[in-house]
Amino acid sequence: MTEYRIEKDSLGEVQVPAEAYYGAQTQRAINNFHISGLRPWRAFIWSMATIKRAAAEVNRELGLLDAERAGAIVQAAQEVIDGKWDDQFRVDPFQAGAGTSHNMNANEVIANRAIEILGGQRGDAKVVSPNDHVNMAQSTNDTIPTAIRLGVLWRLDELLATLDRLAAALEVKVVEFDGVVKSGRTHLQDAVPVRLGQEFGAYAKAVRRDRDRAERAGSGHRA
């Protein structure tokens, strides 16, 4: 039988599995967003932890975060970066709130691991707070777009190869559908006839252009 601990957030008390490093807000997201059954990708987890580590180091240097807490957060974030706690990232990628639950999942895992490093009990936010310490000077609108960019840079070669395959698959359909004539559409009205193959050619061209834009955007930012 699963054992639970009680954590609190702005909505009240929540039962969280006793062995979990995530906390109340992550548990609420797990309960509320039964959509795809998917989990966050490793690149996204890595990126979020990298951001949290960097923020803790900067806040320590600025004197906003004491050295002991900052050190524990840095250690916990590095463990996430290394892939040690991937199974603690449980929020479905398809969920409301612009990624707030994903941000809090990272904050809570790192905070609870930092609490443990400091000798405390998971869930004791007085030792390390997910909001006040791990998320210091950040918001979801900062972390999620930054994490996406970092993840794409890390896996850029894989992304470019995938886009190449997608464009190639669309170009096969250009030939296959060349003999299919259909009405064009513009402003919710019928327009001049167009071949279905032409439409797929436009899709392929758009993918290749975006693929090249992604490559150019990443070329000046990769180590």
N, C-alpha and C. Protein backbone atom coordinates (compact mmCIF):
# COMPACT_ATOMS: atom_id res chain seq x y z
N MET A 1 0.84 -1.19 0.00
CA MET A 1 0.00 0.00 0.00
C MET A 1 0.89 1.26 0.00
N THR A 2 0.52 2.22 -0.88
CA THR A 2 1.30 3.44 -0.99
C THR A 2 1.13 4.30 0.26
N GLU A 3 2.24 4.80 0.76
CA GLU A 3 2.19 5.74 1.89
C GLU A 3 2.26 7.17 1.35
N TYR A 4 1.63 8.08 2.07
CA TYR A 4 1.55 9.47 1.62
C TYR A 4 2.05 10.42 2.70
N ARG A 5 2.48 11.59 2.25
CA ARG A 5 2.71 12.71 3.15
C ARG A 5 1.74 13.81 2.73
N ILE A 6 1.49 14.75 3.61
CA ILE A 6 0.58 15.86 3.32
C ILE A 6 1.41 17.11 3.03
N GLU A 7 1.18 17.69 1.86
CA GLU A 7 1.80 18.97 1.53
C GLU A 7 0.70 20.00 1.32
N LYS A 8 1.05 21.26 1.41
CA LYS A 8 0.08 22.35 1.26
C LYS A 8 0.50 23.28 0.14
N ASP A 9 -0.50 23.80 -0.56
CA ASP A 9 -0.28 24.89 -1.50
C ASP A 9 -1.39 25.92 -1.30
N SER A 10 -1.55 26.84 -2.23
CA SER A 10 -2.54 27.91 -2.04
C SER A 10 -3.98 27.41 -2.01
N LEU A 11 -4.21 26.20 -2.50
CA LEU A 11 -5.55 25.63 -2.53
C LEU A 11 -5.83 24.73 -1.34
N GLY A 12 -4.82 24.46 -0.54
CA GLY A 12 -5.02 23.62 0.63
C GLY A 12 -4.08 22.43 0.68
N GLU A 13 -4.51 21.37 1.36
CA GLU A 13 -3.68 20.19 1.56
C GLU A 13 -3.83 19.21 0.39
N VAL A 14 -2.72 18.52 0.11
CA VAL A 14 -2.69 17.53 -0.97
C VAL A 14 -1.92 16.31 -0.48
N GLN A 15 -2.42 15.14 -0.80
CA GLN A 15 -1.69 13.90 -0.53
C GLN A 15 -0.68 13.67 -1.64
N VAL A 16 0.59 13.49 -1.26
CA VAL A 16 1.68 13.22 -2.20
C VAL A 16 2.34 11.91 -1.78
N PRO A 17 2.66 11.02 -2.71
CA PRO A 17 3.36 9.79 -2.32
C PRO A 17 4.59 10.11 -1.47
N ALA A 18 4.75 9.39 -0.37
CA ALA A 18 5.81 9.71 0.59
C ALA A 18 7.19 9.68 -0.04
N GLU A 19 7.40 8.80 -1.02
CA GLU A 19 8.74 8.66 -1.62
C GLU A 19 8.99 9.67 -2.74
N ALA A 20 7.97 10.46 -3.11
CA ALA A 20 8.11 11.37 -4.25
C ALA A 20 8.95 12.59 -3.88
N TYR A 21 9.71 13.08 -4.84
CA TYR A 21 10.42 14.35 -4.67
C TYR A 21 9.57 15.52 -5.16
N TYR A 22 8.59 15.26 -6.01
CA TYR A 22 7.68 16.34 -6.41
C TYR A 22 6.72 16.61 -5.26
N GLY A 23 5.97 17.72 -5.39
CA GLY A 23 5.13 18.15 -4.28
C GLY A 23 3.69 18.41 -4.68
N ALA A 24 3.06 19.36 -3.96
CA ALA A 24 1.62 19.57 -4.05
C ALA A 24 1.17 20.02 -5.43
N GLN A 25 1.85 20.99 -6.02
CA GLN A 25 1.39 21.51 -7.30
C GLN A 25 1.59 20.51 -8.42
N THR A 26 2.67 19.74 -8.35
CA THR A 26 2.87 18.68 -9.33
C THR A 26 1.77 17.63 -9.18
N GLN A 27 1.45 17.27 -7.95
CA GLN A 27 0.41 16.26 -7.72
C GLN A 27 -0.94 16.74 -8.25
N ARG A 28 -1.25 18.01 -8.07
CA ARG A 28 -2.50 18.54 -8.62
C ARG A 28 -2.51 18.42 -10.14
N ALA A 29 -1.39 18.71 -10.77
CA ALA A 29 -1.32 18.61 -12.24
C ALA A 29 -1.47 17.16 -12.69
N ILE A 30 -0.85 16.23 -11.95
CA ILE A 30 -1.00 14.80 -12.26
C ILE A 30 -2.47 14.41 -12.18
N ASN A 31 -3.16 14.91 -11.15
CA ASN A 31 -4.57 14.58 -10.96
C ASN A 31 -5.47 15.20 -12.02
N ASN A 32 -5.13 16.41 -12.47
CA ASN A 32 -6.03 17.18 -13.33
C ASN A 32 -5.81 16.97 -14.83
N PHE A 33 -4.60 16.60 -15.23
CA PHE A 33 -4.29 16.56 -16.65
C PHE A 33 -4.02 15.14 -17.13
N HIS A 34 -5.08 14.35 -17.22
CA HIS A 34 -4.97 13.01 -17.80
C HIS A 34 -5.25 13.15 -19.30
N ILE A 35 -4.24 13.44 -20.08
CA ILE A 35 -4.46 13.77 -21.49
C ILE A 35 -3.76 12.79 -22.42
N SER A 36 -2.45 12.82 -22.47
CA SER A 36 -1.72 11.99 -23.43
C SER A 36 -1.05 10.77 -22.80
N GLY A 37 -0.79 10.82 -21.50
CA GLY A 37 -0.02 9.76 -20.86
C GLY A 37 1.47 9.87 -21.09
N LEU A 38 1.91 10.93 -21.77
CA LEU A 38 3.34 11.14 -22.03
C LEU A 38 4.01 11.82 -20.84
N ARG A 39 5.32 11.77 -20.82
CA ARG A 39 6.14 12.45 -19.82
C ARG A 39 7.05 13.46 -20.52
N PRO A 40 7.57 14.44 -19.80
CA PRO A 40 8.49 15.39 -20.42
C PRO A 40 9.74 14.71 -20.98
N TRP A 41 10.25 15.23 -22.08
CA TRP A 41 11.46 14.68 -22.70
C TRP A 41 12.68 15.04 -21.87
N ARG A 42 13.71 14.20 -22.00
CA ARG A 42 14.96 14.39 -21.27
C ARG A 42 15.56 15.76 -21.56
N ALA A 43 15.48 16.22 -22.81
CA ALA A 43 16.04 17.53 -23.15
C ALA A 43 15.37 18.64 -22.36
N PHE A 44 14.07 18.52 -22.14
CA PHE A 44 13.33 19.54 -21.40
C PHE A 44 13.70 19.49 -19.91
N ILE A 45 13.77 18.30 -19.35
CA ILE A 45 14.16 18.15 -17.95
C ILE A 45 15.56 18.72 -17.73
N TRP A 46 16.48 18.35 -18.60
CA TRP A 46 17.86 18.84 -18.52
C TRP A 46 17.90 20.37 -18.57
N SER A 47 17.12 20.94 -19.49
CA SER A 47 17.12 22.40 -19.65
C SER A 47 16.58 23.10 -18.42
N MET A 48 15.47 22.59 -17.87
CA MET A 48 14.89 23.21 -16.68
C MET A 48 15.87 23.17 -15.51
N ALA A 49 16.53 22.05 -15.31
CA ALA A 49 17.48 21.94 -14.21
C ALA A 49 18.69 22.84 -14.42
N THR A 50 19.12 22.99 -15.66
CA THR A 50 20.23 23.89 -15.97
C THR A 50 19.88 25.33 -15.60
N ILE A 51 18.65 25.73 -15.91
CA ILE A 51 18.18 27.07 -15.55
C ILE A 51 18.16 27.25 -14.03
N LYS A 52 17.63 26.26 -13.33
CA LYS A 52 17.52 26.36 -11.87
C LYS A 52 18.90 26.42 -11.21
N ARG A 53 19.83 25.66 -11.73
CA ARG A 53 21.19 25.71 -11.19
C ARG A 53 21.81 27.09 -11.42
N ALA A 54 21.69 27.59 -12.64
CA ALA A 54 22.26 28.90 -12.96
C ALA A 54 21.64 29.99 -12.11
N ALA A 55 20.32 29.93 -11.91
CA ALA A 55 19.64 30.94 -11.10
C ALA A 55 20.14 30.91 -9.66
N ALA A 56 20.31 29.71 -9.10
CA ALA A 56 20.79 29.60 -7.72
C ALA A 56 22.20 30.18 -7.59
N GLU A 57 23.04 29.91 -8.57
CA GLU A 57 24.42 30.43 -8.52
C GLU A 57 24.43 31.95 -8.60
N VAL A 58 23.61 32.52 -9.49
CA VAL A 58 23.55 33.97 -9.63
C VAL A 58 22.96 34.61 -8.38
N ASN A 59 21.88 34.04 -7.86
CA ASN A 59 21.26 34.61 -6.66
C ASN A 59 22.20 34.54 -5.46
N ARG A 60 23.03 33.50 -5.39
CA ARG A 60 24.04 33.41 -4.34
C ARG A 60 25.07 34.52 -4.50
N GLU A 61 25.55 34.72 -5.72
CA GLU A 61 26.56 35.75 -5.97
C GLU A 61 26.01 37.15 -5.68
N LEU A 62 24.71 37.34 -5.89
CA LEU A 62 24.09 38.64 -5.63
C LEU A 62 23.73 38.83 -4.16
N GLY A 63 23.93 37.80 -3.36
CA GLY A 63 23.61 37.88 -1.95
C GLY A 63 22.13 37.74 -1.64
N LEU A 64 21.36 37.26 -2.60
CA LEU A 64 19.93 37.08 -2.41
C LEU A 64 19.58 35.72 -1.84
N LEU A 65 20.51 34.77 -1.96
CA LEU A 65 20.29 33.40 -1.49
C LEU A 65 21.51 32.99 -0.69
N ASP A 66 21.28 32.49 0.52
CA ASP A 66 22.42 32.14 1.37
C ASP A 66 23.19 30.96 0.77
N ALA A 67 24.46 30.88 1.10
CA ALA A 67 25.36 29.91 0.47
C ALA A 67 24.94 28.46 0.73
N GLU A 68 24.43 28.19 1.93
CA GLU A 68 24.06 26.81 2.25
C GLU A 68 22.89 26.34 1.40
N ARG A 69 21.83 27.13 1.34
CA ARG A 69 20.69 26.76 0.50
C ARG A 69 21.10 26.69 -0.96
N ALA A 70 21.84 27.70 -1.41
CA ALA A 70 22.25 27.72 -2.81
C ALA A 70 23.07 26.49 -3.16
N GLY A 71 23.97 26.10 -2.30
CA GLY A 71 24.79 24.92 -2.56
C GLY A 71 23.96 23.66 -2.69
N ALA A 72 22.94 23.53 -1.82
CA ALA A 72 22.08 22.35 -1.87
C ALA A 72 21.24 22.36 -3.15
N ILE A 73 20.75 23.54 -3.55
CA ILE A 73 19.97 23.64 -4.79
C ILE A 73 20.84 23.30 -5.99
N VAL A 74 22.05 23.83 -6.01
CA VAL A 74 22.98 23.54 -7.11
C VAL A 74 23.24 22.03 -7.20
N GLN A 75 23.48 21.39 -6.06
CA GLN A 75 23.74 19.95 -6.06
C GLN A 75 22.52 19.17 -6.56
N ALA A 76 21.35 19.55 -6.06
CA ALA A 76 20.12 18.86 -6.47
C ALA A 76 19.85 19.06 -7.95
N ALA A 77 20.03 20.29 -8.43
CA ALA A 77 19.81 20.56 -9.85
C ALA A 77 20.79 19.78 -10.72
N GLN A 78 22.03 19.67 -10.27
CA GLN A 78 23.02 18.91 -11.04
C GLN A 78 22.63 17.43 -11.11
N GLU A 79 22.07 16.90 -10.05
CA GLU A 79 21.60 15.52 -10.08
C GLU A 79 20.50 15.34 -11.12
N VAL A 80 19.62 16.34 -11.22
CA VAL A 80 18.58 16.29 -12.26
C VAL A 80 19.21 16.39 -13.65
N ILE A 81 20.16 17.29 -13.80
CA ILE A 81 20.88 17.42 -15.08
C ILE A 81 21.49 16.08 -15.49
N ASP A 82 22.03 15.37 -14.53
CA ASP A 82 22.68 14.09 -14.79
C ASP A 82 21.69 12.95 -15.04
N GLY A 83 20.39 13.23 -14.92
CA GLY A 83 19.39 12.22 -15.20
C GLY A 83 19.00 11.34 -14.04
N LYS A 84 19.38 11.74 -12.83
CA LYS A 84 19.14 10.87 -11.68
C LYS A 84 17.67 10.81 -11.27
N TRP A 85 16.90 11.87 -11.56
CA TRP A 85 15.53 11.95 -11.06
C TRP A 85 14.51 12.11 -12.18
N ASP A 86 14.80 11.57 -13.34
CA ASP A 86 13.87 11.71 -14.47
C ASP A 86 12.47 11.18 -14.15
N ASP A 87 12.39 10.14 -13.33
CA ASP A 87 11.09 9.53 -13.04
C ASP A 87 10.22 10.42 -12.15
N GLN A 88 10.77 11.51 -11.64
CA GLN A 88 10.01 12.43 -10.80
C GLN A 88 9.32 13.54 -11.60
N PHE A 89 9.57 13.56 -12.90
CA PHE A 89 8.95 14.57 -13.76
C PHE A 89 7.74 13.93 -14.42
N ARG A 90 6.57 14.23 -13.87
CA ARG A 90 5.37 13.46 -14.13
C ARG A 90 4.27 14.23 -14.85
N VAL A 91 4.44 15.52 -15.07
CA VAL A 91 3.35 16.32 -15.62
C VAL A 91 3.21 16.03 -17.12
N ASP A 92 1.97 15.79 -17.56
CA ASP A 92 1.69 15.56 -18.97
C ASP A 92 2.13 16.77 -19.79
N PRO A 93 2.81 16.56 -20.92
CA PRO A 93 3.23 17.70 -21.73
C PRO A 93 2.07 18.57 -22.20
N PHE A 94 0.88 17.97 -22.31
CA PHE A 94 -0.30 18.72 -22.73
C PHE A 94 -1.09 19.11 -21.48
N GLN A 95 -0.96 20.38 -21.08
CA GLN A 95 -1.63 20.85 -19.88
C GLN A 95 -1.79 22.36 -19.93
N ALA A 96 -2.71 22.85 -19.14
CA ALA A 96 -3.03 24.27 -19.17
C ALA A 96 -2.01 25.08 -18.38
N GLY A 97 -2.06 26.40 -18.57
CA GLY A 97 -1.29 27.29 -17.74
C GLY A 97 0.08 27.66 -18.27
N ALA A 98 0.31 27.50 -19.57
CA ALA A 98 1.56 27.94 -20.21
C ALA A 98 2.81 27.28 -19.64
N GLY A 99 2.64 26.13 -18.97
CA GLY A 99 3.79 25.42 -18.45
C GLY A 99 4.04 25.62 -16.97
N THR A 100 3.12 26.26 -16.27
CA THR A 100 3.32 26.51 -14.84
C THR A 100 3.55 25.22 -14.06
N SER A 101 2.78 24.18 -14.38
CA SER A 101 2.94 22.91 -13.67
C SER A 101 4.30 22.29 -13.95
N HIS A 102 4.82 22.44 -15.17
CA HIS A 102 6.15 21.93 -15.48
C HIS A 102 7.21 22.68 -14.69
N ASN A 103 7.06 24.00 -14.60
CA ASN A 103 8.01 24.79 -13.83
C ASN A 103 7.99 24.38 -12.37
N MET A 104 6.78 24.19 -11.82
CA MET A 104 6.68 23.80 -10.42
C MET A 104 7.16 22.38 -10.20
N ASN A 105 6.98 21.50 -11.15
CA ASN A 105 7.51 20.14 -11.02
C ASN A 105 9.03 20.20 -10.81
N ALA A 106 9.71 21.02 -11.62
CA ALA A 106 11.16 21.18 -11.46
C ALA A 106 11.50 21.82 -10.12
N ASN A 107 10.76 22.88 -9.76
CA ASN A 107 11.03 23.56 -8.49
C ASN A 107 10.88 22.61 -7.31
N GLU A 108 9.82 21.81 -7.32
CA GLU A 108 9.54 20.93 -6.18
C GLU A 108 10.54 19.78 -6.08
N VAL A 109 10.88 19.19 -7.21
CA VAL A 109 11.85 18.09 -7.17
C VAL A 109 13.19 18.58 -6.64
N ILE A 110 13.64 19.71 -7.16
CA ILE A 110 14.93 20.25 -6.73
C ILE A 110 14.87 20.71 -5.28
N ALA A 111 13.76 21.34 -4.89
CA ALA A 111 13.64 21.80 -3.50
C ALA A 111 13.65 20.63 -2.53
N ASN A 112 12.86 19.60 -2.82
CA ASN A 112 12.78 18.47 -1.89
C ASN A 112 14.09 17.69 -1.81
N ARG A 113 14.78 17.59 -2.93
CA ARG A 113 16.10 16.94 -2.89
C ARG A 113 17.09 17.82 -2.12
N ALA A 114 17.01 19.14 -2.28
CA ALA A 114 17.89 20.05 -1.54
C ALA A 114 17.59 19.98 -0.04
N ILE A 115 16.32 19.88 0.31
CA ILE A 115 15.94 19.72 1.72
C ILE A 115 16.60 18.47 2.29
N GLU A 116 16.52 17.39 1.53
CA GLU A 116 17.12 16.13 1.95
C GLU A 116 18.63 16.26 2.13
N ILE A 117 19.28 16.95 1.20
CA ILE A 117 20.72 17.16 1.28
C ILE A 117 21.09 17.92 2.55
N LEU A 118 20.22 18.84 2.96
CA LEU A 118 20.46 19.63 4.16
C LEU A 118 20.02 18.93 5.44
N GLY A 119 19.52 17.70 5.31
CA GLY A 119 19.15 16.93 6.49
C GLY A 119 17.72 17.08 6.93
N GLY A 120 16.88 17.74 6.10
CA GLY A 120 15.48 17.93 6.46
C GLY A 120 14.58 16.85 5.89
N GLN A 121 13.29 17.02 6.09
CA GLN A 121 12.29 16.10 5.60
C GLN A 121 11.61 16.69 4.36
N ARG A 122 11.41 15.86 3.35
CA ARG A 122 10.75 16.32 2.13
C ARG A 122 9.43 17.00 2.46
N GLY A 123 9.20 18.12 1.78
CA GLY A 123 7.98 18.88 2.02
C GLY A 123 8.14 20.02 2.99
N ASP A 124 9.27 20.11 3.67
CA ASP A 124 9.49 21.19 4.65
C ASP A 124 10.04 22.42 3.93
N ALA A 125 9.13 23.26 3.46
CA ALA A 125 9.52 24.43 2.67
C ALA A 125 10.26 25.48 3.48
N LYS A 126 10.26 25.35 4.80
CA LYS A 126 11.03 26.29 5.61
C LYS A 126 12.53 26.08 5.40
N VAL A 127 12.90 24.87 5.03
CA VAL A 127 14.32 24.59 4.76
C VAL A 127 14.69 25.09 3.37
N VAL A 128 13.97 24.62 2.36
CA VAL A 128 14.13 25.12 0.99
C VAL A 128 12.74 25.19 0.37
N SER A 129 12.37 26.38 -0.09
CA SER A 129 11.05 26.58 -0.68
C SER A 129 11.12 26.46 -2.20
N PRO A 130 10.21 25.70 -2.80
CA PRO A 130 10.18 25.63 -4.27
C PRO A 130 9.99 26.99 -4.91
N ASN A 131 9.12 27.81 -4.31
CA ASN A 131 8.82 29.13 -4.87
C ASN A 131 9.86 30.18 -4.50
N ASP A 132 10.13 30.30 -3.21
CA ASP A 132 10.95 31.41 -2.73
C ASP A 132 12.44 31.23 -2.98
N HIS A 133 12.91 30.00 -3.05
CA HIS A 133 14.34 29.75 -3.20
C HIS A 133 14.71 29.18 -4.58
N VAL A 134 14.11 28.06 -4.96
CA VAL A 134 14.46 27.45 -6.26
C VAL A 134 13.99 28.33 -7.40
N ASN A 135 12.82 28.93 -7.26
CA ASN A 135 12.23 29.75 -8.34
C ASN A 135 12.52 31.23 -8.16
N MET A 136 13.46 31.57 -7.29
CA MET A 136 13.75 32.98 -7.00
C MET A 136 14.07 33.76 -8.28
N ALA A 137 13.38 34.92 -8.43
CA ALA A 137 13.59 35.85 -9.55
C ALA A 137 13.24 35.24 -10.90
N GLN A 138 12.36 34.26 -10.90
CA GLN A 138 11.93 33.62 -12.16
C GLN A 138 10.41 33.56 -12.20
N SER A 139 9.91 33.23 -13.38
CA SER A 139 8.49 32.90 -13.52
C SER A 139 8.40 31.85 -14.63
N THR A 140 7.21 31.27 -14.77
CA THR A 140 7.00 30.32 -15.86
C THR A 140 7.29 30.96 -17.21
N ASN A 141 6.94 32.23 -17.36
CA ASN A 141 7.17 32.92 -18.63
C ASN A 141 8.64 33.16 -18.91
N ASP A 142 9.49 33.01 -17.89
CA ASP A 142 10.94 33.04 -18.11
C ASP A 142 11.47 31.64 -18.43
N THR A 143 11.10 30.69 -17.59
CA THR A 143 11.78 29.40 -17.63
C THR A 143 11.38 28.52 -18.81
N ILE A 144 10.09 28.47 -19.13
CA ILE A 144 9.64 27.55 -20.17
C ILE A 144 10.18 27.93 -21.55
N PRO A 145 10.05 29.18 -22.01
CA PRO A 145 10.65 29.51 -23.31
C PRO A 145 12.17 29.30 -23.34
N THR A 146 12.83 29.63 -22.24
CA THR A 146 14.28 29.44 -22.19
C THR A 146 14.63 27.96 -22.26
N ALA A 147 13.88 27.12 -21.53
CA ALA A 147 14.13 25.68 -21.55
C ALA A 147 13.92 25.09 -22.94
N ILE A 148 12.90 25.55 -23.63
CA ILE A 148 12.66 25.06 -25.00
C ILE A 148 13.84 25.41 -25.90
N ARG A 149 14.33 26.62 -25.78
CA ARG A 149 15.46 27.04 -26.61
C ARG A 149 16.73 26.24 -26.28
N LEU A 150 16.99 26.06 -25.00
CA LEU A 150 18.17 25.28 -24.61
C LEU A 150 18.06 23.84 -25.10
N GLY A 151 16.88 23.26 -24.95
CA GLY A 151 16.67 21.88 -25.39
C GLY A 151 16.86 21.72 -26.88
N VAL A 152 16.35 22.69 -27.64
CA VAL A 152 16.50 22.64 -29.10
C VAL A 152 17.98 22.78 -29.49
N LEU A 153 18.69 23.68 -28.81
CA LEU A 153 20.12 23.83 -29.11
C LEU A 153 20.88 22.54 -28.82
N TRP A 154 20.55 21.90 -27.70
CA TRP A 154 21.22 20.65 -27.33
C TRP A 154 20.97 19.56 -28.36
N ARG A 155 19.73 19.48 -28.87
CA ARG A 155 19.35 18.41 -29.78
C ARG A 155 19.14 18.93 -31.20
N LEU A 156 19.83 20.01 -31.57
CA LEU A 156 19.57 20.66 -32.86
C LEU A 156 19.81 19.73 -34.04
N ASP A 157 20.89 18.95 -34.01
CA ASP A 157 21.16 18.04 -35.12
C ASP A 157 20.02 17.06 -35.32
N GLU A 158 19.48 16.56 -34.22
CA GLU A 158 18.35 15.63 -34.29
C GLU A 158 17.11 16.33 -34.87
N LEU A 159 16.86 17.57 -34.45
CA LEU A 159 15.72 18.32 -34.96
C LEU A 159 15.85 18.56 -36.46
N LEU A 160 17.03 18.99 -36.90
CA LEU A 160 17.24 19.26 -38.32
C LEU A 160 17.05 18.00 -39.16
N ALA A 161 17.56 16.89 -38.68
CA ALA A 161 17.41 15.63 -39.41
C ALA A 161 15.93 15.23 -39.50
N THR A 162 15.19 15.45 -38.43
CA THR A 162 13.76 15.12 -38.42
C THR A 162 13.00 16.00 -39.41
N LEU A 163 13.32 17.28 -39.44
CA LEU A 163 12.67 18.18 -40.40
C LEU A 163 13.02 17.83 -41.83
N ASP A 164 14.26 17.40 -42.07
CA ASP A 164 14.63 16.94 -43.41
C ASP A 164 13.78 15.75 -43.84
N ARG A 165 13.58 14.81 -42.91
CA ARG A 165 12.77 13.63 -43.24
C ARG A 165 11.31 14.01 -43.49
N LEU A 166 10.80 14.96 -42.70
CA LEU A 166 9.43 15.41 -42.90
C LEU A 166 9.26 16.07 -44.26
N ALA A 167 10.19 16.95 -44.63
CA ALA A 167 10.11 17.62 -45.93
C ALA A 167 10.19 16.60 -47.06
N ALA A 168 11.08 15.63 -46.92
CA ALA A 168 11.22 14.60 -47.96
C ALA A 168 9.93 13.79 -48.11
N ALA A 169 9.28 13.47 -46.99
CA ALA A 169 8.02 12.72 -47.05
C ALA A 169 6.93 13.54 -47.73
N LEU A 170 6.89 14.83 -47.46
CA LEU A 170 5.92 15.70 -48.12
C LEU A 170 6.19 15.81 -49.61
N GLU A 171 7.46 15.82 -49.99
CA GLU A 171 7.82 15.91 -51.41
C GLU A 171 7.42 14.65 -52.18
N VAL A 172 7.42 13.51 -51.52
CA VAL A 172 6.91 12.29 -52.15
C VAL A 172 5.44 12.46 -52.51
N LYS A 173 4.69 13.11 -51.64
CA LYS A 173 3.27 13.32 -51.88
C LYS A 173 3.02 14.32 -53.00
N VAL A 174 3.99 15.20 -53.26
CA VAL A 174 3.86 16.14 -54.38
C VAL A 174 3.63 15.36 -55.68
N VAL A 175 4.42 14.32 -55.87
CA VAL A 175 4.31 13.50 -57.08
C VAL A 175 3.06 12.62 -57.02
N GLU A 176 2.85 12.00 -55.86
CA GLU A 176 1.72 11.08 -55.72
C GLU A 176 0.38 11.77 -55.94
N PHE A 177 0.26 13.02 -55.48
CA PHE A 177 -1.02 13.72 -55.55
C PHE A 177 -1.10 14.71 -56.72
N ASP A 178 -0.14 14.66 -57.63
CA ASP A 178 -0.09 15.66 -58.70
C ASP A 178 -1.34 15.64 -59.58
N GLY A 179 -1.94 14.47 -59.75
CA GLY A 179 -3.11 14.39 -60.63
C GLY A 179 -4.42 14.74 -59.98
N VAL A 180 -4.41 15.06 -58.69
CA VAL A 180 -5.65 15.38 -57.97
C VAL A 180 -5.90 16.89 -58.03
N VAL A 181 -6.97 17.27 -58.71
CA VAL A 181 -7.32 18.69 -58.83
C VAL A 181 -8.42 19.02 -57.83
N LYS A 182 -8.28 20.12 -57.14
CA LYS A 182 -9.27 20.53 -56.13
C LYS A 182 -9.45 22.03 -56.18
N SER A 183 -10.49 22.48 -55.53
CA SER A 183 -10.71 23.92 -55.43
C SER A 183 -9.71 24.53 -54.47
N GLY A 184 -9.16 25.64 -54.88
CA GLY A 184 -8.37 26.41 -53.93
C GLY A 184 -9.31 27.12 -52.97
N ARG A 185 -8.78 27.60 -51.88
CA ARG A 185 -9.59 28.29 -50.90
C ARG A 185 -8.91 29.59 -50.49
N THR A 186 -9.68 30.66 -50.42
CA THR A 186 -9.14 31.93 -49.94
C THR A 186 -10.27 32.72 -49.30
N HIS A 187 -10.03 33.26 -48.12
CA HIS A 187 -11.03 34.06 -47.40
C HIS A 187 -12.35 33.33 -47.29
N LEU A 188 -12.28 32.02 -46.97
CA LEU A 188 -13.46 31.20 -46.76
C LEU A 188 -14.31 31.03 -48.02
N GLN A 189 -13.71 31.25 -49.18
CA GLN A 189 -14.42 31.09 -50.44
C GLN A 189 -13.62 30.21 -51.38
N ASP A 190 -14.31 29.60 -52.36
CA ASP A 190 -13.61 28.86 -53.40
C ASP A 190 -12.77 29.82 -54.23
N ALA A 191 -11.62 29.33 -54.68
CA ALA A 191 -10.73 30.13 -55.53
C ALA A 191 -10.38 29.31 -56.77
N VAL A 192 -9.33 29.69 -57.46
CA VAL A 192 -8.96 28.99 -58.68
C VAL A 192 -8.53 27.56 -58.34
N PRO A 193 -8.73 26.61 -59.28
CA PRO A 193 -8.35 25.22 -59.01
C PRO A 193 -6.84 25.10 -58.73
N VAL A 194 -6.49 24.11 -57.92
CA VAL A 194 -5.10 23.84 -57.59
C VAL A 194 -4.93 22.34 -57.48
N ARG A 195 -3.76 21.85 -57.84
CA ARG A 195 -3.49 20.42 -57.68
C ARG A 195 -3.10 20.14 -56.23
N LEU A 196 -3.58 19.02 -55.70
CA LEU A 196 -3.25 18.66 -54.33
C LEU A 196 -1.74 18.53 -54.16
N GLY A 197 -1.07 18.07 -55.19
CA GLY A 197 0.39 17.98 -55.15
C GLY A 197 1.04 19.33 -54.94
N GLN A 198 0.45 20.38 -55.53
CA GLN A 198 1.00 21.73 -55.33
C GLN A 198 0.90 22.15 -53.86
N GLU A 199 -0.22 21.80 -53.23
CA GLU A 199 -0.38 22.14 -51.82
C GLU A 199 0.69 21.46 -50.98
N PHE A 200 0.94 20.17 -51.24
CA PHE A 200 1.95 19.46 -50.48
C PHE A 200 3.35 19.99 -50.79
N GLY A 201 3.55 20.48 -51.99
CA GLY A 201 4.82 21.12 -52.31
C GLY A 201 5.04 22.38 -51.48
N ALA A 202 3.95 23.11 -51.25
CA ALA A 202 4.04 24.30 -50.40
C ALA A 202 4.36 23.92 -48.97
N TYR A 203 3.74 22.84 -48.48
CA TYR A 203 4.05 22.38 -47.12
C TYR A 203 5.53 22.03 -47.01
N ALA A 204 6.04 21.30 -47.99
CA ALA A 204 7.44 20.88 -47.97
C ALA A 204 8.37 22.09 -47.99
N LYS A 205 8.03 23.08 -48.82
CA LYS A 205 8.86 24.28 -48.91
C LYS A 205 8.88 25.03 -47.58
N ALA A 206 7.71 25.12 -46.93
CA ALA A 206 7.64 25.81 -45.64
C ALA A 206 8.49 25.10 -44.59
N VAL A 207 8.44 23.76 -44.57
CA VAL A 207 9.24 23.00 -43.61
C VAL A 207 10.73 23.21 -43.86
N ARG A 208 11.14 23.18 -45.13
CA ARG A 208 12.57 23.37 -45.44
C ARG A 208 13.03 24.77 -45.08
N ARG A 209 12.20 25.77 -45.31
CA ARG A 209 12.58 27.14 -44.93
C ARG A 209 12.73 27.25 -43.42
N ASP A 210 11.78 26.68 -42.67
CA ASP A 210 11.87 26.75 -41.21
C ASP A 210 13.06 25.94 -40.69
N ARG A 211 13.36 24.84 -41.36
CA ARG A 211 14.54 24.04 -40.99
C ARG A 211 15.81 24.88 -41.13
N ASP A 212 15.91 25.63 -42.23
CA ASP A 212 17.09 26.46 -42.46
C ASP A 212 17.15 27.61 -41.45
N ARG A 213 15.98 28.17 -41.11
CA ARG A 213 15.95 29.24 -40.11
C ARG A 213 16.41 28.73 -38.75
N ALA A 214 15.98 27.53 -38.39
CA ALA A 214 16.41 26.95 -37.12
C ALA A 214 17.92 26.72 -37.10
N GLU A 215 18.46 26.25 -38.23
CA GLU A 215 19.91 26.02 -38.30
C GLU A 215 20.68 27.32 -38.16
N ARG A 216 20.22 28.37 -38.86
CA ARG A 216 20.90 29.67 -38.76
C ARG A 216 20.80 30.24 -37.36
N ALA A 217 19.62 30.11 -36.74
CA ALA A 217 19.44 30.66 -35.40
C ALA A 217 20.35 29.96 -34.39
N GLY A 218 20.57 28.67 -34.59
CA GLY A 218 21.39 27.91 -33.65
C GLY A 218 22.88 27.98 -33.91
N SER A 219 23.27 28.37 -35.11
CA SER A 219 24.69 28.26 -35.48
C SER A 219 25.59 29.17 -34.66
N GLY A 220 25.08 30.30 -34.18
CA GLY A 220 25.91 31.21 -33.42
C GLY A 220 25.86 31.00 -31.92
N HIS A 221 25.12 29.97 -31.47
CA HIS A 221 24.93 29.79 -30.04
C HIS A 221 25.35 28.41 -29.56
N ARG A 222 25.98 27.64 -30.40
CA ARG A 222 26.36 26.28 -29.99
C ARG A 222 27.84 26.23 -29.64
N ALA A 223 28.14 25.46 -28.60
CA ALA A 223 29.53 25.35 -28.16
C ALA A 223 30.34 24.57 -29.16
